[in-house]
Amino acid sequence: MEATRSDDVMSFRAKRRKELLTFAVLAFGIWPVVAVGVVGGYGFLVWMYQIVYGPPGPHDVVPAPPGSAE
């Protein structure tokens, strides 16, 4: 049997609906979870780094001796 025009339209509509559903799941489901995981993972790595090596900033600042040019 040959595919009729109405079969083509239904196939197009079904494909379009499936693509829109896939887009919605990716855009509002998977990618936000991935983004939160990446940002959270980076924050965790920075936190662990600072636990081991200390917070950023000047370390062991020694005052200049009196009469120096500094």
Foldseek 3Di string as FASTA:
>chain_A
DDDDPVNVVVVVVVVVVVVVVVCCCVVPPVVVVVVVVVVVVVVVVVVVVCVVVNDDDDDPDDDDDPPDPD
